Amino acid sequence: MIDLKEEIERIILVGVSVSDQDDTEKSLDELAELAAAAGAETAGRIIQSREQAHPATYIGKGKLEELKDLIWETYATGIICDDELSPAQMGNLQDELDVKVMDRTLVILDIFASRASTSEGKIQVELAQLKYRQSRLTGFGKSLSRLGGGIGTRGPGEKKLEMDRRLIKGRIAQLNRELRDVKRHREVTREQRSRNQVPVAAVVGYTNAGKSTLLNALTGADILAEDKLFATLDPTTRELKLPSKQSVLLTDTVGFIRKLPHHLIEAFRSTLEEAKYADMILHVVDTANPQMDEQMHIVYETLRSLGVKDKPVITVFNKQDKEGAQRTVRDFQADYTVRISAKTTEGLDELKEMIEAVLRGQKVLIEQLYSYKEAAKIQLIRKYGELTAEEYREDGIFVSAYVPVSIYDKVRSVSLGDSLNNAL
């Protein structure tokens, strides 16, 4: 019987450290996780300390010879460099090593291509891949026409990989038009939410921090949640009913990662900008990850680059159930912090209370007596605000509530004789 089992790619990780603060070892640890998520296994790693990456071959001549020996000793089928390679670097390395040459960007794009399931996600990934490959037609060399599988070959498909620059440019233009339509649709949806006075919380965080698990635990959504990088790609929005009967929409976003490819940021900008227009940010953090503080810093840097600022932030320190999770945690950039386990639901009630507190801080306290003719105003309060007290008296209905500023003029009672239409 012939064994048709697919051969697993064996790769060597290659990094360049340009300063003592680089933490290249941790970066390669993450790169190994990315390689595993793409279906490859790590056979070895090489790090070179230099003032800057070699402009022609990424690493110097001596390390290049060392890399050749390591490839031969480990039977490696390719290498992955920790930084984005120029077309010249990629071409020169392929000529020198005679194995598949990839960089961090290519691996991330490959993972995204295999995980995208919605039409929007597929458009965004293909656009990012084509922009990446457009500038590297020379660098890919013979690999453009190579038939085969593995990392770097998924997504647009072999036919598109063989397009000349003119055809790629045309396809990029078409995808940009489709993406503009998607963006317009998102803007219409956003305006609809704004008219309906439904608050939105954007769920952000480093990849594999547990955003999907949290969304599932809070809303009952059936989203794929796995313990690996970029397990889910397509953004999801679900409604959360709070104890005060208020509704808030939770919108998941693409997980962040160090050295997030700029092609992806541009392609996914309309998705990532959900955080820019949200009423609050839920920043999910993996407390069981030794690099927790650095990951938090990367998330905040990415948010700033997207123009997300002046938003209330609740930092959700997740995975408290895991062995090795940090118990003493803090985030000085957050308005609120809470320790939870999305897997065991520990701390979720406290998180809901914090979400209510943020929403309450964006509202106006109203304490008024309404005539019975103004009952429709109280219905508005119930729908868009937080009713904390309602007392029926002989002369009317006394109400204490927190209401959005946008409807305050509609619900306040100037006199007991006012009608809802006059208030509107």
Protein backbone atom coordinates (compact mmCIF):
# COMPACT_ATOMS: atom_id res chain seq x y z
CA MET A 1 0.00 0.00 0.00
CA ILE A 2 1.40 3.40 -1.00
CA ASP A 3 1.59 5.98 1.77
CA LEU A 4 0.25 9.27 0.39
CA LYS A 5 0.79 11.20 3.63
CA GLU A 6 1.71 14.82 2.93
CA GLU A 7 5.33 15.58 3.74
CA ILE A 8 5.74 18.17 6.51
CA GLU A 9 8.06 21.04 5.64
CA ARG A 10 11.14 21.35 7.84
CA ILE A 11 12.35 24.91 8.17
CA ILE A 12 15.21 26.86 9.73
CA LEU A 13 14.41 30.14 11.49
CA VAL A 14 16.79 33.00 10.73
CA GLY A 15 16.93 36.28 12.65
CA VAL A 16 19.11 39.38 12.81
CA SER A 17 19.60 41.23 16.10
CA VAL A 18 20.54 44.87 15.56
CA SER A 19 20.51 45.88 19.25
CA ASP A 20 20.53 44.39 22.74
CA GLN A 21 16.88 45.42 23.17
CA ASP A 22 15.69 43.41 20.16
CA ASP A 23 14.67 40.25 22.03
CA THR A 24 15.26 38.28 18.85
CA GLU A 25 15.02 34.93 20.66
CA LYS A 26 11.43 35.66 21.74
CA SER A 27 10.62 36.88 18.26
CA LEU A 28 11.89 33.59 16.82
CA ASP A 29 9.84 31.68 19.39
CA GLU A 30 6.77 33.40 18.00
CA LEU A 31 7.96 32.77 14.44
CA ALA A 32 8.17 29.05 15.29
CA GLU A 33 4.52 29.19 16.42
CA LEU A 34 3.60 30.89 13.16
CA ALA A 35 5.43 28.20 11.19
CA ALA A 36 3.57 25.50 13.13
CA ALA A 37 0.26 27.25 12.43
CA ALA A 38 1.19 27.20 8.73
CA GLY A 39 1.90 23.46 8.87
CA ALA A 40 5.70 23.33 9.16
CA GLU A 41 8.06 22.13 11.87
CA THR A 42 11.16 23.96 13.05
CA ALA A 43 14.42 22.07 12.52
CA GLY A 44 16.77 24.76 13.85
CA ARG A 45 17.47 28.46 14.21
CA ILE A 46 20.26 30.93 13.57
CA ILE A 47 20.65 34.46 14.96
CA GLN A 48 23.27 36.94 13.84
CA SER A 49 24.13 40.16 15.68
CA ARG A 50 24.78 42.97 13.19
CA GLU A 51 24.37 46.72 13.04
CA GLN A 52 21.79 46.12 10.33
CA ALA A 53 20.56 43.29 8.12
CA HIS A 54 22.86 42.55 5.17
CA PRO A 55 21.37 44.43 2.18
CA ALA A 56 22.08 41.55 -0.22
CA THR A 57 21.60 38.34 1.77
CA TYR A 58 19.98 39.42 5.11
CA ILE A 59 22.80 37.68 7.06
CA GLY A 60 26.55 37.93 6.52
CA LYS A 61 28.75 35.56 4.51
CA GLY A 62 29.99 33.57 7.53
CA LYS A 63 26.47 32.97 8.87
CA LEU A 64 25.32 32.08 5.37
CA GLU A 65 27.85 29.22 5.28
CA GLU A 66 26.74 28.15 8.75
CA LEU A 67 23.14 28.17 7.53
CA LYS A 68 24.04 25.97 4.54
CA ASP A 69 25.59 23.40 6.87
CA LEU A 70 22.57 23.46 9.19
CA ILE A 71 20.19 22.93 6.26
CA TRP A 72 22.24 19.92 5.15
CA GLU A 73 22.47 18.47 8.67
CA THR A 74 18.74 18.83 9.46
CA TYR A 75 17.39 17.95 6.00
CA ALA A 76 15.53 21.27 6.03
CA THR A 77 13.37 22.13 3.02
CA GLY A 78 13.33 25.89 3.56
CA ILE A 79 14.12 28.88 5.77
CA ILE A 80 11.98 31.62 7.29
CA CYS A 81 13.57 35.00 7.99
CA ASP A 82 12.15 37.00 10.89
CA ASP A 83 11.93 40.25 8.92
CA GLU A 84 10.40 41.18 5.58
CA LEU A 85 12.94 40.47 2.85
CA SER A 86 13.57 42.70 -0.14
CA PRO A 87 13.25 41.12 -3.61
CA ALA A 88 17.04 41.15 -3.93
CA GLN A 89 17.57 39.45 -0.57
CA MET A 90 15.02 36.77 -1.39
CA GLY A 91 16.51 36.08 -4.82
CA ASN A 92 20.09 35.99 -3.55
CA LEU A 93 19.24 33.65 -0.68
CA GLN A 94 17.45 31.26 -3.03
CA ASP A 95 20.44 31.21 -5.35
CA GLU A 96 22.83 30.57 -2.45
CA LEU A 97 20.79 27.99 -0.52
CA ASP A 98 18.73 26.24 -3.22
CA VAL A 99 15.78 25.81 -0.81
CA LYS A 100 12.50 27.62 -0.34
CA VAL A 101 13.07 31.11 1.16
CA MET A 102 10.27 32.80 3.09
CA ASP A 103 9.93 35.72 5.47
CA ARG A 104 7.63 36.46 8.40
CA THR A 105 5.21 38.44 6.22
CA LEU A 106 4.79 35.58 3.74
CA VAL A 107 4.04 33.09 6.53
CA ILE A 108 1.43 35.37 8.14
CA LEU A 109 -0.20 35.98 4.76
CA ASP A 110 -0.25 32.22 4.18
CA ILE A 111 -1.98 31.59 7.52
CA PHE A 112 -4.54 34.28 6.76
CA ALA A 113 -5.19 32.74 3.33
CA SER A 114 -5.92 29.33 4.87
CA ARG A 115 -8.20 30.77 7.59
CA ALA A 116 -10.28 33.33 5.67
CA SER A 117 -13.83 32.04 5.23
CA THR A 118 -16.03 35.06 4.46
CA SER A 119 -15.98 36.86 1.11
CA GLU A 120 -14.68 40.01 2.83
CA GLY A 121 -11.82 38.10 4.48
CA LYS A 122 -10.85 36.44 1.21
CA ILE A 123 -10.82 39.78 -0.62
CA GLN A 124 -8.64 41.36 2.06
CA VAL A 125 -6.17 38.46 2.14
CA GLU A 126 -5.86 38.19 -1.63
CA LEU A 127 -5.29 41.93 -1.91
CA ALA A 128 -2.53 41.81 0.72
CA GLN A 129 -0.89 38.81 -0.98
CA LEU A 130 -0.95 40.35 -4.44
CA LYS A 131 0.53 43.63 -3.19
CA TYR A 132 3.25 41.67 -1.45
CA ARG A 133 4.01 39.60 -4.55
CA GLN A 134 3.74 42.52 -6.96
CA SER A 135 6.95 44.01 -5.59
CA ARG A 136 8.66 40.62 -5.47
CA LEU A 137 8.13 39.13 -8.92
CA THR A 138 11.88 39.18 -9.44
CA GLY A 139 12.59 37.91 -5.95
CA PHE A 140 10.38 34.86 -6.29
CA GLY A 141 12.24 33.86 -9.45
CA LYS A 142 11.66 30.26 -10.51
CA SER A 143 9.32 29.63 -7.58
CA LEU A 144 6.58 31.58 -9.38
CA SER A 145 6.09 28.75 -11.83
CA ARG A 146 6.81 25.93 -9.37
CA LEU A 147 3.92 23.51 -8.92
CA GLY A 148 3.57 22.27 -5.37
CA GLY A 149 2.08 22.89 -1.97
CA GLY A 150 3.22 24.18 1.36
CA ILE A 151 3.73 27.57 2.93
CA GLY A 152 3.46 30.53 0.58
CA THR A 153 1.45 28.77 -2.12
CA ARG A 154 -2.08 29.16 -0.73
CA GLY A 155 -4.47 32.01 -1.43
CA PRO A 156 -4.82 33.46 -4.91
CA GLY A 157 -3.69 30.18 -6.46
CA GLU A 158 -0.99 29.07 -8.84
CA LYS A 159 -2.60 30.73 -11.84
CA LYS A 160 -2.53 34.14 -10.19
CA LEU A 161 1.04 33.64 -9.04
CA GLU A 162 2.06 33.44 -12.70
CA MET A 163 0.37 36.70 -13.66
CA ASP A 164 2.58 39.39 -15.05
CA ARG A 165 2.68 42.80 -13.38
CA ARG A 166 -0.03 44.21 -15.65
CA LEU A 167 -2.52 41.50 -14.75
CA ILE A 168 -1.69 41.72 -11.04
CA LYS A 169 -2.19 45.47 -11.16
CA GLY A 170 -5.59 44.98 -12.77
CA ARG A 171 -6.62 42.40 -10.18
CA ILE A 172 -5.49 44.71 -7.35
CA ALA A 173 -7.62 47.52 -8.82
CA GLN A 174 -10.64 45.21 -8.96
CA LEU A 175 -10.13 44.03 -5.36
CA ASN A 176 -9.76 47.63 -4.19
CA ARG A 177 -13.14 48.43 -5.76
CA GLU A 178 -14.72 45.45 -4.02
CA LEU A 179 -13.10 46.50 -0.73
CA ARG A 180 -14.49 50.02 -1.11
CA ASP A 181 -17.96 48.48 -1.42
CA VAL A 182 -17.30 46.50 1.77
CA LYS A 183 -16.16 49.67 3.51
CA ARG A 184 -19.32 51.53 2.42
CA HIS A 185 -21.41 48.64 3.77
CA ARG A 186 -19.57 48.85 7.09
CA GLU A 187 -20.17 52.60 7.25
CA VAL A 188 -23.91 52.13 6.59
CA THR A 189 -24.06 49.45 9.32
CA ARG A 190 -22.20 51.78 11.69
CA GLU A 191 -24.62 54.66 10.97
CA GLN A 192 -27.56 52.33 11.58
CA ARG A 193 -26.14 51.33 14.96
CA SER A 194 -25.59 54.99 15.80
CA ARG A 195 -29.21 55.87 14.93
CA ASN A 196 -30.42 52.95 17.04
CA GLN A 197 -28.31 54.18 19.97
CA VAL A 198 -26.77 50.72 20.39
CA PRO A 199 -23.33 51.00 22.07
CA VAL A 200 -20.44 49.04 20.57
CA ALA A 201 -17.45 47.49 22.34
CA ALA A 202 -14.48 46.46 20.18
CA VAL A 203 -12.71 43.34 21.42
CA VAL A 204 -8.99 43.70 20.67
CA GLY A 205 -5.87 41.89 21.74
CA TYR A 206 -2.78 39.97 20.75
CA THR A 207 -3.43 36.88 18.68
CA ASN A 208 -4.36 33.84 20.79
CA ALA A 209 -5.25 35.99 23.82
CA GLY A 210 -8.71 34.39 23.96
CA LYS A 211 -10.94 36.96 22.21
CA SER A 212 -13.12 34.35 20.48
CA THR A 213 -13.47 32.29 23.67
CA LEU A 214 -14.55 35.44 25.54
CA LEU A 215 -17.11 36.30 22.85
CA ASN A 216 -18.48 32.76 23.04
CA ALA A 217 -18.70 32.89 26.84
CA LEU A 218 -20.44 36.29 26.94
CA THR A 219 -22.87 35.95 24.03
CA GLY A 220 -23.20 32.24 23.31
CA ALA A 221 -21.64 32.74 19.88
CA ASP A 222 -20.38 29.58 18.25
CA ILE A 223 -17.02 30.90 17.02
CA LEU A 224 -14.03 28.64 16.44
CA ALA A 225 -11.71 28.98 19.45
CA GLU A 226 -8.40 27.12 19.41
CA ASP A 227 -5.11 27.52 21.28
CA LYS A 228 -3.07 28.69 18.29
CA LEU A 229 -2.12 31.88 16.48
CA PHE A 230 -4.82 33.40 14.25
CA ALA A 231 -7.29 30.55 14.88
CA THR A 232 -10.05 32.91 13.76
CA LEU A 233 -9.67 35.63 11.18
CA ASP A 234 -13.08 36.92 10.14
CA PRO A 235 -14.54 39.57 12.49
CA THR A 236 -17.77 38.74 14.31
CA THR A 237 -20.38 40.98 15.97
CA ARG A 238 -22.71 39.63 18.66
CA GLU A 239 -25.21 41.20 21.06
CA LEU A 240 -24.60 41.05 24.80
CA LYS A 241 -27.53 41.55 27.19
CA LEU A 242 -26.30 43.18 30.41
CA PRO A 243 -27.88 42.67 33.87
CA SER A 244 -29.47 46.14 33.57
CA LYS A 245 -31.32 44.91 30.43
CA GLN A 246 -29.16 47.13 28.23
CA SER A 247 -27.73 45.72 25.00
CA VAL A 248 -24.18 46.22 23.78
CA LEU A 249 -22.67 44.92 20.56
CA LEU A 250 -19.33 43.13 20.92
CA THR A 251 -17.22 43.22 17.76
CA ASP A 252 -14.24 40.89 17.46
CA THR A 253 -11.21 42.11 15.50
CA VAL A 254 -8.18 40.52 13.86
CA GLY A 255 -5.54 39.53 16.41
CA PHE A 256 -2.46 41.74 16.58
CA ILE A 257 1.11 40.48 16.40
CA ARG A 258 4.59 41.98 16.40
CA LYS A 259 5.76 43.11 12.96
CA LEU A 260 2.19 42.90 11.62
CA PRO A 261 2.69 43.20 7.82
CA HIS A 262 1.78 46.64 6.54
CA HIS A 263 0.02 45.01 3.56
CA LEU A 264 -2.35 43.34 6.03
CA ILE A 265 -2.95 46.54 8.00
CA GLU A 266 -3.90 48.34 4.79
CA ALA A 267 -6.09 45.50 3.50
CA PHE A 268 -7.80 44.98 6.87
CA ARG A 269 -8.07 48.67 7.73
CA SER A 270 -11.87 48.77 7.36
CA THR A 271 -12.12 45.79 9.74
CA LEU A 272 -9.58 47.10 12.25
CA GLU A 273 -11.23 50.52 12.25
CA GLU A 274 -14.19 49.00 14.09
CA ALA A 275 -12.13 49.83 17.17
CA LYS A 276 -11.87 53.47 16.05
CA TYR A 277 -15.63 53.94 15.99
CA ALA A 278 -16.50 51.81 19.04
CA ASP A 279 -17.77 53.31 22.29
CA MET A 280 -15.25 51.34 24.34
CA ILE A 281 -12.34 48.93 23.98
CA LEU A 282 -12.15 45.49 25.60
CA HIS A 283 -8.43 44.71 25.59
CA VAL A 284 -7.99 40.96 26.11
CA VAL A 285 -4.61 39.88 27.52
CA ASP A 286 -3.14 36.37 27.89
CA THR A 287 -1.79 36.34 31.46
CA ALA A 288 -0.28 32.88 30.95
CA ASN A 289 2.08 34.21 28.26
CA PRO A 290 5.54 35.21 29.60
CA GLN A 291 5.61 38.06 27.06
CA MET A 292 2.35 39.54 28.33
CA ASP A 293 3.69 43.07 28.96
CA GLU A 294 5.35 43.28 25.55
CA GLN A 295 2.19 42.02 23.85
CA MET A 296 0.13 44.68 25.63
CA HIS A 297 2.56 47.33 24.38
CA ILE A 298 2.25 46.06 20.78
CA VAL A 299 -1.57 46.19 20.99
CA TYR A 300 -1.53 49.81 22.19
CA GLU A 301 1.01 50.76 19.52
CA THR A 302 -1.18 49.19 16.81
CA LEU A 303 -4.28 50.97 18.12
CA ARG A 304 -2.45 54.29 18.06
CA SER A 305 -1.32 53.67 14.47
CA LEU A 306 -4.99 53.13 13.55
CA GLY A 307 -5.98 56.43 15.14
CA VAL A 308 -7.80 54.83 18.07
CA LYS A 309 -7.62 57.25 20.99
CA ASP A 310 -9.69 58.74 23.79
CA LYS A 311 -11.70 55.54 24.19
CA PRO A 312 -12.55 53.99 27.57
CA VAL A 313 -10.48 50.82 27.93
CA ILE A 314 -11.29 47.75 29.99
CA THR A 315 -8.27 45.46 30.12
CA VAL A 316 -9.41 41.87 30.51
CA PHE A 317 -6.63 39.74 32.01
CA ASN A 318 -7.65 36.35 30.64
CA LYS A 319 -6.59 32.71 31.18
CA GLN A 320 -6.39 32.98 34.98
CA ASP A 321 -7.25 29.27 35.10
CA LYS A 322 -4.00 28.26 33.38
CA GLU A 323 -0.92 27.14 35.25
CA GLY A 324 1.70 29.86 35.21
CA ALA A 325 -0.82 32.68 34.77
CA GLN A 326 0.38 35.93 36.32
CA ARG A 327 -1.72 36.94 39.33
CA THR A 328 -0.24 40.39 39.96
CA VAL A 329 -1.28 42.24 36.81
CA ARG A 330 -1.76 45.91 36.03
CA ASP A 331 -2.35 48.19 33.08
CA PHE A 332 -1.85 51.90 33.71
CA GLN A 333 -3.32 52.80 30.31
CA ALA A 334 -6.70 51.20 31.10
CA ASP A 335 -9.69 52.76 32.83
CA TYR A 336 -10.72 49.43 34.35
CA THR A 337 -9.02 46.06 34.77
CA VAL A 338 -10.49 42.67 35.60
CA ARG A 339 -9.05 39.17 35.95
CA ILE A 340 -11.09 36.45 34.27
CA SER A 341 -11.05 33.03 32.71
CA ALA A 342 -13.20 32.99 29.58
CA LYS A 343 -12.89 29.20 29.59
CA THR A 344 -14.32 28.70 33.11
CA THR A 345 -16.42 31.95 33.07
CA GLU A 346 -14.67 33.15 36.25
CA GLY A 347 -14.89 36.96 36.56
CA LEU A 348 -17.41 37.47 33.73
CA ASP A 349 -20.05 38.98 36.05
CA GLU A 350 -17.51 41.56 37.22
CA LEU A 351 -16.62 42.29 33.59
CA LYS A 352 -20.29 42.93 32.76
CA GLU A 353 -20.51 45.33 35.72
CA MET A 354 -17.50 47.23 34.35
CA ILE A 355 -19.07 47.45 30.89
CA GLU A 356 -22.19 48.89 32.54
CA ALA A 357 -20.04 51.36 34.49
CA VAL A 358 -18.39 52.59 31.26
CA LEU A 359 -21.77 52.97 29.56
CA ARG A 360 -23.13 54.78 32.61
CA GLY A 361 -20.20 57.20 32.46
CA GLN A 362 -21.24 58.13 28.91
CA LYS A 363 -24.80 58.95 30.00
CA VAL A 364 -26.64 61.65 31.91
CA LEU A 365 -28.47 60.97 35.18
CA ILE A 366 -32.11 62.03 34.91
CA GLU A 367 -34.52 62.09 37.88
CA GLN A 368 -37.95 63.40 36.88
CA LEU A 369 -41.67 63.07 37.38
CA TYR A 370 -43.61 62.30 34.20
CA SER A 371 -47.32 62.63 33.64
CA TYR A 372 -49.09 59.44 32.62
CA LYS A 373 -49.49 60.95 29.13
CA GLU A 374 -45.67 60.89 28.82
CA ALA A 375 -45.32 57.12 29.21
CA ALA A 376 -43.80 56.90 25.71
CA LYS A 377 -40.78 58.84 27.00
CA ILE A 378 -40.24 56.19 29.64
CA GLN A 379 -40.29 53.58 26.88
CA LEU A 380 -37.47 55.51 25.18
CA ILE A 381 -35.53 55.45 28.45
CA ARG A 382 -36.05 51.70 28.79
CA LYS A 383 -34.87 51.12 25.23
CA TYR A 384 -31.76 53.29 25.17
CA GLY A 385 -30.93 54.01 28.79
CA GLU A 386 -30.57 52.33 32.15
CA LEU A 387 -33.68 52.60 34.32
CA THR A 388 -32.64 52.49 37.99
CA ALA A 389 -35.95 53.44 39.65
CA GLU A 390 -39.59 53.70 38.56
CA GLU A 391 -42.30 54.74 41.02
CA TYR A 392 -45.99 55.19 40.16
CA ARG A 393 -47.59 58.06 42.09
CA GLU A 394 -50.93 59.84 42.02
CA ASP A 395 -49.53 62.81 40.14
CA GLY A 396 -47.37 60.84 37.68
CA ILE A 397 -44.46 58.43 37.29
CA PHE A 398 -41.18 59.20 39.04
CA VAL A 399 -38.14 57.90 37.11
CA SER A 400 -34.44 57.75 37.92
CA ALA A 401 -32.31 56.67 34.96
CA TYR A 402 -29.08 57.09 33.04
CA VAL A 403 -29.74 58.11 29.42
CA PRO A 404 -27.45 58.82 26.42
CA VAL A 405 -26.78 62.51 25.87
CA SER A 406 -28.22 62.16 22.35
CA ILE A 407 -31.74 61.44 23.66
CA TYR A 408 -31.69 63.60 26.80
CA ASP A 409 -33.68 66.42 25.19
CA LYS A 410 -36.24 63.91 23.91
CA VAL A 411 -36.96 62.37 27.30
CA ARG A 412 -36.70 65.24 29.75
CA SER A 413 -40.01 66.61 31.03
CA VAL A 414 -40.29 70.40 30.76
CA SER A 415 -43.74 70.28 32.32
CA LEU A 416 -46.23 67.57 33.19
CA GLY A 417 -48.34 68.55 30.18
CA ASP A 418 -45.62 67.93 27.59
CA SER A 419 -46.23 65.22 25.04
CA LEU A 420 -43.61 63.06 23.36
CA ASN A 421 -44.21 64.80 20.02
CA ASN A 422 -43.59 68.22 21.56
CA ALA A 423 -40.36 66.91 23.13
CA LEU A 424 -39.22 65.54 19.79
